[in-house]
Protein backbone atom coordinates (compact mmCIF):
# COMPACT_ATOMS: atom_id res chain seq x y z
CA MET A 1 41.78 132.10 41.95
CA ALA A 2 41.53 131.65 45.74
CA THR A 3 44.76 132.34 47.89
CA VAL A 4 45.35 129.99 50.60
CA THR A 5 47.35 132.33 53.53
CA THR A 6 49.39 130.36 55.74
CA SER A 7 50.24 132.09 59.09
CA ALA A 8 53.45 131.21 60.69
CA PRO A 9 53.55 129.25 63.54
CA THR A 10 53.36 131.39 67.11
CA ARG A 11 56.52 130.62 69.31
CA ARG A 12 56.27 130.55 73.36
CA PRO A 13 58.73 133.12 74.85
CA ALA A 14 62.12 131.74 75.85
CA ALA A 15 61.38 133.28 79.30
CA LYS A 16 57.96 130.93 79.80
CA LYS A 17 59.19 127.81 78.43
CA SER A 18 62.42 128.24 80.91
CA ALA A 19 59.75 129.00 83.84
CA ASP A 20 57.73 125.88 82.55
CA ARG A 21 60.80 123.67 82.55
CA GLY A 22 62.25 124.93 86.10
CA SER A 23 58.44 124.52 87.54
CA GLY A 24 58.51 121.00 85.77
CA MET A 25 62.11 120.37 87.61
CA ARG A 26 60.78 121.90 91.05
CA GLY A 27 57.60 119.13 90.77
CA THR A 28 59.83 116.27 90.39
CA VAL A 29 62.31 116.61 92.96
CA SER A 30 61.19 114.92 95.86
CA LYS A 31 62.87 114.61 99.74
CA ASN A 32 64.87 112.30 100.72
CA TRP A 33 63.24 110.97 103.58
CA PHE A 34 64.85 107.71 104.35
CA GLY A 35 68.10 109.51 103.95
CA GLY A 36 67.05 111.87 106.69
CA ALA A 37 66.24 109.34 109.03
CA LEU A 38 69.28 107.64 108.33
CA SER A 39 71.88 111.02 109.02
CA TRP A 40 69.37 111.46 112.95
CA VAL A 41 69.93 108.00 113.43
CA TRP A 42 73.92 107.78 113.07
CA LEU A 43 73.34 111.21 115.36
CA LEU A 44 72.15 109.93 117.41
CA ILE A 45 74.30 106.58 117.74
CA VAL A 46 77.65 109.18 117.48
CA LEU A 47 75.83 111.25 120.68
CA VAL A 48 74.80 108.73 123.32
CA PRO A 49 78.46 107.73 123.55
CA ILE A 50 79.51 111.31 124.04
CA TYR A 51 76.71 112.05 126.72
CA TRP A 52 77.57 108.90 128.59
CA ILE A 53 81.59 109.38 129.25
CA ILE A 54 80.60 113.60 129.87
CA ILE A 55 77.65 112.29 133.22
CA THR A 56 79.94 109.62 134.08
CA SER A 57 83.03 111.73 134.51
CA PHE A 58 80.42 113.96 137.18
CA LYS A 59 79.47 110.44 139.54
CA GLN A 60 80.63 108.65 142.79
CA GLN A 61 82.15 105.90 142.02
CA SER A 62 80.24 104.12 144.40
CA ASP A 63 77.40 105.66 141.73
CA TYR A 64 78.58 103.99 138.53
CA PHE A 65 77.79 101.02 139.09
CA SER A 66 74.29 101.66 141.63
CA THR A 67 72.61 103.90 138.68
CA ASN A 68 71.21 103.58 135.18
CA PRO A 69 74.57 103.87 133.67
CA LEU A 70 72.64 106.67 131.16
CA ALA A 71 70.52 108.86 133.90
CA PRO A 72 72.41 111.72 134.80
CA PRO A 73 74.25 111.96 138.42
CA THR A 74 71.91 112.73 141.20
CA ALA A 75 74.97 114.48 143.36
CA PRO A 76 77.56 115.86 140.37
CA THR A 77 81.06 115.79 141.53
CA LEU A 78 84.11 117.05 140.52
CA SER A 79 86.01 114.47 142.34
CA ASN A 80 86.82 112.36 139.74
CA TYR A 81 89.18 116.16 138.07
CA LEU A 82 90.58 116.59 140.70
CA MET A 83 91.55 113.11 141.62
CA VAL A 84 93.05 113.29 137.87
CA VAL A 85 94.87 116.51 138.39
CA GLN A 86 96.77 116.01 141.63
CA SER A 87 97.65 112.43 139.50
CA ASP A 88 100.30 112.43 136.93
CA PHE A 89 98.39 114.11 134.76
CA PRO A 90 99.99 117.45 133.85
CA ARG A 91 103.43 115.57 133.45
CA TYR A 92 101.25 113.10 131.17
CA PHE A 93 99.85 116.34 129.12
CA VAL A 94 103.47 117.50 128.99
CA ASN A 95 104.78 114.72 127.47
CA SER A 96 101.95 114.48 125.21
CA VAL A 97 102.22 118.15 124.06
CA ILE A 98 106.60 118.10 123.40
CA VAL A 99 105.75 114.53 121.10
CA THR A 100 102.78 116.23 119.64
CA VAL A 101 104.74 119.15 118.54
CA GLY A 102 108.15 117.76 117.74
CA SER A 103 106.72 115.27 115.54
CA ILE A 104 104.23 117.96 113.60
CA VAL A 105 106.20 120.70 113.15
CA PRO A 106 109.09 118.83 111.22
CA ALA A 107 106.86 116.28 109.57
CA VAL A 108 104.67 118.79 107.81
CA LEU A 109 107.80 121.10 107.31
CA ILE A 110 109.89 118.34 105.38
CA SER A 111 106.15 117.29 103.44
CA PHE A 112 106.31 120.63 102.29
CA LEU A 113 109.44 120.89 101.05
CA ALA A 114 109.49 117.28 99.09
CA ALA A 115 105.89 118.58 98.09
CA PHE A 116 107.32 121.51 96.27
CA ALA A 117 110.32 120.23 94.84
CA ILE A 118 108.23 116.83 93.70
CA VAL A 119 105.75 118.83 91.42
CA ARG A 120 107.49 122.08 90.58
CA GLY A 121 110.78 119.80 90.18
CA ARG A 122 111.99 117.66 87.43
CA GLY A 123 113.64 114.27 86.31
CA TRP A 124 113.16 110.67 87.31
CA LEU A 125 114.32 111.03 90.47
CA LEU A 126 111.84 112.56 91.69
CA LYS A 127 109.10 110.72 90.59
CA ALA A 128 110.65 107.53 92.40
CA THR A 129 110.50 109.72 95.12
CA ASN A 130 107.39 110.26 94.97
CA SER A 131 106.24 106.68 94.03
CA LEU A 132 108.17 105.57 97.84
CA PHE A 133 106.05 108.44 99.59
CA LEU A 134 103.41 106.62 98.51
CA MET A 135 104.53 103.37 98.73
CA GLY A 136 104.81 104.18 102.73
CA LEU A 137 100.81 104.76 102.60
CA ALA A 138 100.44 100.60 102.23
CA ILE A 139 102.44 100.18 104.76
CA PRO A 140 100.85 100.15 108.29
CA LEU A 141 102.74 101.30 111.94
CA GLN A 142 101.89 97.42 113.45
CA ALA A 143 104.00 95.79 110.63
CA THR A 144 106.93 97.91 111.56
CA ILE A 145 106.78 97.52 115.11
CA ILE A 146 110.13 94.85 115.72
CA PRO A 147 112.02 97.14 112.98
CA VAL A 148 111.35 100.63 114.78
CA TYR A 149 112.05 99.07 118.26
CA LEU A 150 115.43 97.41 117.17
CA ILE A 151 116.73 100.71 115.05
CA ILE A 152 115.41 102.98 118.90
CA ILE A 153 117.74 99.90 120.10
CA ARG A 154 120.97 100.49 118.46
CA LEU A 155 120.37 104.70 118.21
CA GLY A 156 120.38 104.61 122.57
CA LEU A 157 116.78 105.84 122.34
CA TYR A 158 115.22 103.57 124.63
CA ASP A 159 112.40 104.91 126.52
CA THR A 160 113.48 108.99 125.74
CA LEU A 161 110.38 110.98 124.20
CA GLY A 162 112.63 110.89 121.63
CA ALA A 163 112.14 107.34 119.99
CA ILE A 164 108.62 108.00 119.95
CA ILE A 165 108.35 111.59 118.00
CA LEU A 166 111.51 109.49 115.32
CA PRO A 167 108.84 106.91 114.28
CA SER A 168 105.96 109.97 114.08
CA ILE A 169 107.87 111.73 111.96
CA ALA A 170 108.25 109.09 109.65
CA PHE A 171 104.65 108.08 109.09
CA ALA A 172 103.16 111.29 109.11
CA ILE A 173 105.07 112.07 106.13
CA PRO A 174 103.30 109.84 103.19
CA LEU A 175 99.88 111.71 103.42
CA SER A 176 100.84 114.85 104.03
CA VAL A 177 103.09 114.54 100.86
CA LEU A 178 100.11 112.98 98.74
CA VAL A 179 97.52 115.83 99.90
CA LEU A 180 100.47 119.15 99.30
CA SER A 181 101.69 118.15 95.98
CA ASN A 182 98.04 118.10 95.27
CA PHE A 183 97.30 121.48 96.34
CA ILE A 184 100.76 122.64 95.16
CA ARG A 185 99.61 121.18 91.71
CA ASP A 186 96.59 123.63 91.67
CA VAL A 187 98.74 126.81 91.87
CA PRO A 188 98.37 128.13 87.90
CA LYS A 189 101.76 127.93 86.00
CA GLU A 190 101.29 131.13 85.36
CA LEU A 191 101.30 132.53 88.75
CA PHE A 192 105.04 130.33 88.93
CA GLU A 193 105.96 131.94 86.11
CA SER A 194 105.39 135.56 86.37
CA MET A 195 107.52 135.30 89.77
CA ARG A 196 110.27 133.78 87.67
CA MET A 197 109.96 136.37 85.07
CA ASP A 198 110.08 139.27 88.38
CA GLY A 199 113.68 137.41 89.14
CA ALA A 200 112.30 135.62 91.93
CA SER A 201 114.44 132.60 93.75
CA ASP A 202 112.82 129.24 93.94
CA TRP A 203 112.87 129.49 97.65
CA GLN A 204 111.50 133.05 97.33
CA THR A 205 108.52 130.89 95.21
CA LEU A 206 108.06 128.49 97.81
CA TRP A 207 107.46 130.82 100.36
CA GLN A 208 106.20 133.37 99.11
CA LEU A 209 103.21 132.12 96.81
CA ALA A 210 102.79 128.13 97.82
CA PHE A 211 103.18 128.45 101.06
CA PRO A 212 99.85 131.71 101.70
CA LEU A 213 97.96 129.17 98.85
CA THR A 214 98.36 125.97 100.60
CA ARG A 215 97.75 126.61 104.05
CA PRO A 216 94.27 125.04 104.42
CA ALA A 217 96.25 121.77 103.28
CA LEU A 218 98.49 122.44 105.46
CA VAL A 219 96.45 123.12 108.15
CA THR A 220 95.03 120.28 106.89
CA VAL A 221 97.16 117.42 107.33
CA THR A 222 98.45 119.43 111.17
CA ILE A 223 95.38 118.59 112.56
CA TYR A 224 94.80 115.63 111.08
CA ASN A 225 98.83 113.66 111.97
CA GLY A 226 98.56 116.02 115.39
CA LEU A 227 95.77 113.52 116.28
CA GLY A 228 96.49 110.16 115.61
CA ILE A 229 100.00 111.22 117.08
CA TRP A 230 97.46 112.85 120.39
CA ASN A 231 96.32 109.12 120.23
CA GLY A 232 98.84 107.35 119.63
CA PHE A 233 98.99 104.38 122.38
CA LEU A 234 101.27 101.44 120.47
CA LEU A 235 104.08 103.43 119.78
CA PRO A 236 104.72 104.99 123.32
CA LEU A 237 103.62 100.90 125.19
CA ILE A 238 106.27 99.57 122.94
CA LEU A 239 109.43 102.31 123.10
CA THR A 240 108.82 103.65 127.00
CA GLN A 241 109.09 101.88 129.84
CA SER A 242 109.33 104.43 132.85
CA PRO A 243 106.36 106.01 134.37
CA GLU A 244 106.93 109.50 133.83
CA LYS A 245 107.68 109.33 129.96
CA ARG A 246 104.43 108.26 129.36
CA LEU A 247 101.90 109.81 126.89
CA LEU A 248 98.09 110.53 127.94
CA PRO A 249 96.63 107.22 126.06
CA LEU A 250 99.26 105.39 128.78
CA GLY A 251 98.53 107.66 131.52
CA LEU A 252 94.78 106.50 131.90
CA TRP A 253 96.35 102.67 133.01
CA THR A 254 97.00 104.76 136.36
CA PHE A 255 93.39 104.46 137.11
CA GLN A 256 92.89 101.14 136.39
CA GLY A 257 94.29 98.27 139.14
CA GLN A 258 94.22 94.53 139.75
CA TYR A 259 90.98 93.91 140.79
CA SER A 260 89.10 97.20 139.81
CA VAL A 261 88.44 99.58 137.45
CA ASN A 262 87.80 103.61 138.26
CA VAL A 263 85.75 104.74 135.30
CA PRO A 264 84.61 107.63 136.10
CA ALA A 265 88.37 108.61 136.89
CA ILE A 266 88.66 107.36 132.99
CA LEU A 267 85.96 109.03 131.89
CA ALA A 268 86.97 112.20 133.44
CA SER A 269 90.94 112.28 131.94
CA VAL A 270 89.29 111.19 128.70
CA VAL A 271 87.81 114.46 128.54
CA LEU A 272 90.40 116.13 129.80
CA THR A 273 92.53 114.38 127.44
CA THR A 274 89.94 115.74 124.07
CA LEU A 275 89.83 119.24 124.92
CA PRO A 276 92.96 120.45 123.08
CA ILE A 277 92.16 118.71 120.04
CA LEU A 278 88.31 120.28 120.53
CA VAL A 279 90.08 123.91 121.05
CA LEU A 280 92.47 122.83 117.60
CA TYR A 281 89.47 121.77 115.54
CA VAL A 282 87.46 124.63 116.68
CA ILE A 283 89.85 126.92 115.96
CA GLY A 284 90.98 125.42 112.53
CA ARG A 285 87.30 124.07 111.31
CA ARG A 286 87.11 126.07 108.47
CA GLN A 287 90.59 125.34 106.69
CA LEU A 288 90.76 122.17 107.55
CA MET A 289 87.16 121.38 106.07
CA SER A 290 88.66 123.15 102.45
CA GLY A 291 91.65 120.85 102.88
CA LEU A 292 90.16 117.73 103.17
CA THR A 293 87.35 118.66 99.92
CA ALA A 294 89.96 119.39 97.74
CA GLY A 295 93.10 118.05 98.94
CA PHE A 296 91.17 113.94 99.22
CA SER A 297 89.35 114.59 96.29
CA LYS A 298 91.74 114.90 93.14
């Protein structure tokens, strides 16, 4: 009687299968040429105004109206920058620094303490406080300018730098609390419990554990709120009147006459105004990007 022998089916090695799968996946991946083209178009849209601002700031006022706006200056000059520096620009710059630093430091400190209490604390009162902070994100500055104006008048702070600092602190706190609380929630609870078992108080846990781990978030809210306060126009316009209390955005009016506008001088002041923010961004860009990606993706 003849016997039929069957051989076991041969199996391909796992490595070969994975290699075939990887080669198949590589073959299906295609480059997004459309998205890349849109990125270059958007980059061009962003760079053209910046290029125009820089080259125009080195032009004479007479050459600005007689030459191509996008053409580089035939005879570059620093007279516009000298005019800006010799005007009241240094005073406006100092006022902007005082208002920005005086608003950011208390706002970030209060927001950090509030975020730590909301995350690590217990009770309905803290939850209600968190909801109150979130509600502040839905209220724009323009909707509260009249009540803020009346409060500043009652406090006797009108036409002072403090009249700009106090509302700036209030409007910087809600977003700062949201970002910082998200970062503190990401800290493992075991770290807090281990420090508590070692005898650390809440104050020590706050500054020795939560503060170093939330440094990217602190840099993020500092730069973000600092940019908004530095470029703020509505509060200085409504709450100040004297020329010596002007900030940089209001200082641009110095080069605007009744019948003409010195465009090159205005753009030179714009370049000088953006330099501090640019330097601050270059210094903290890594922590800013990490803070934005981690804090706003919750």
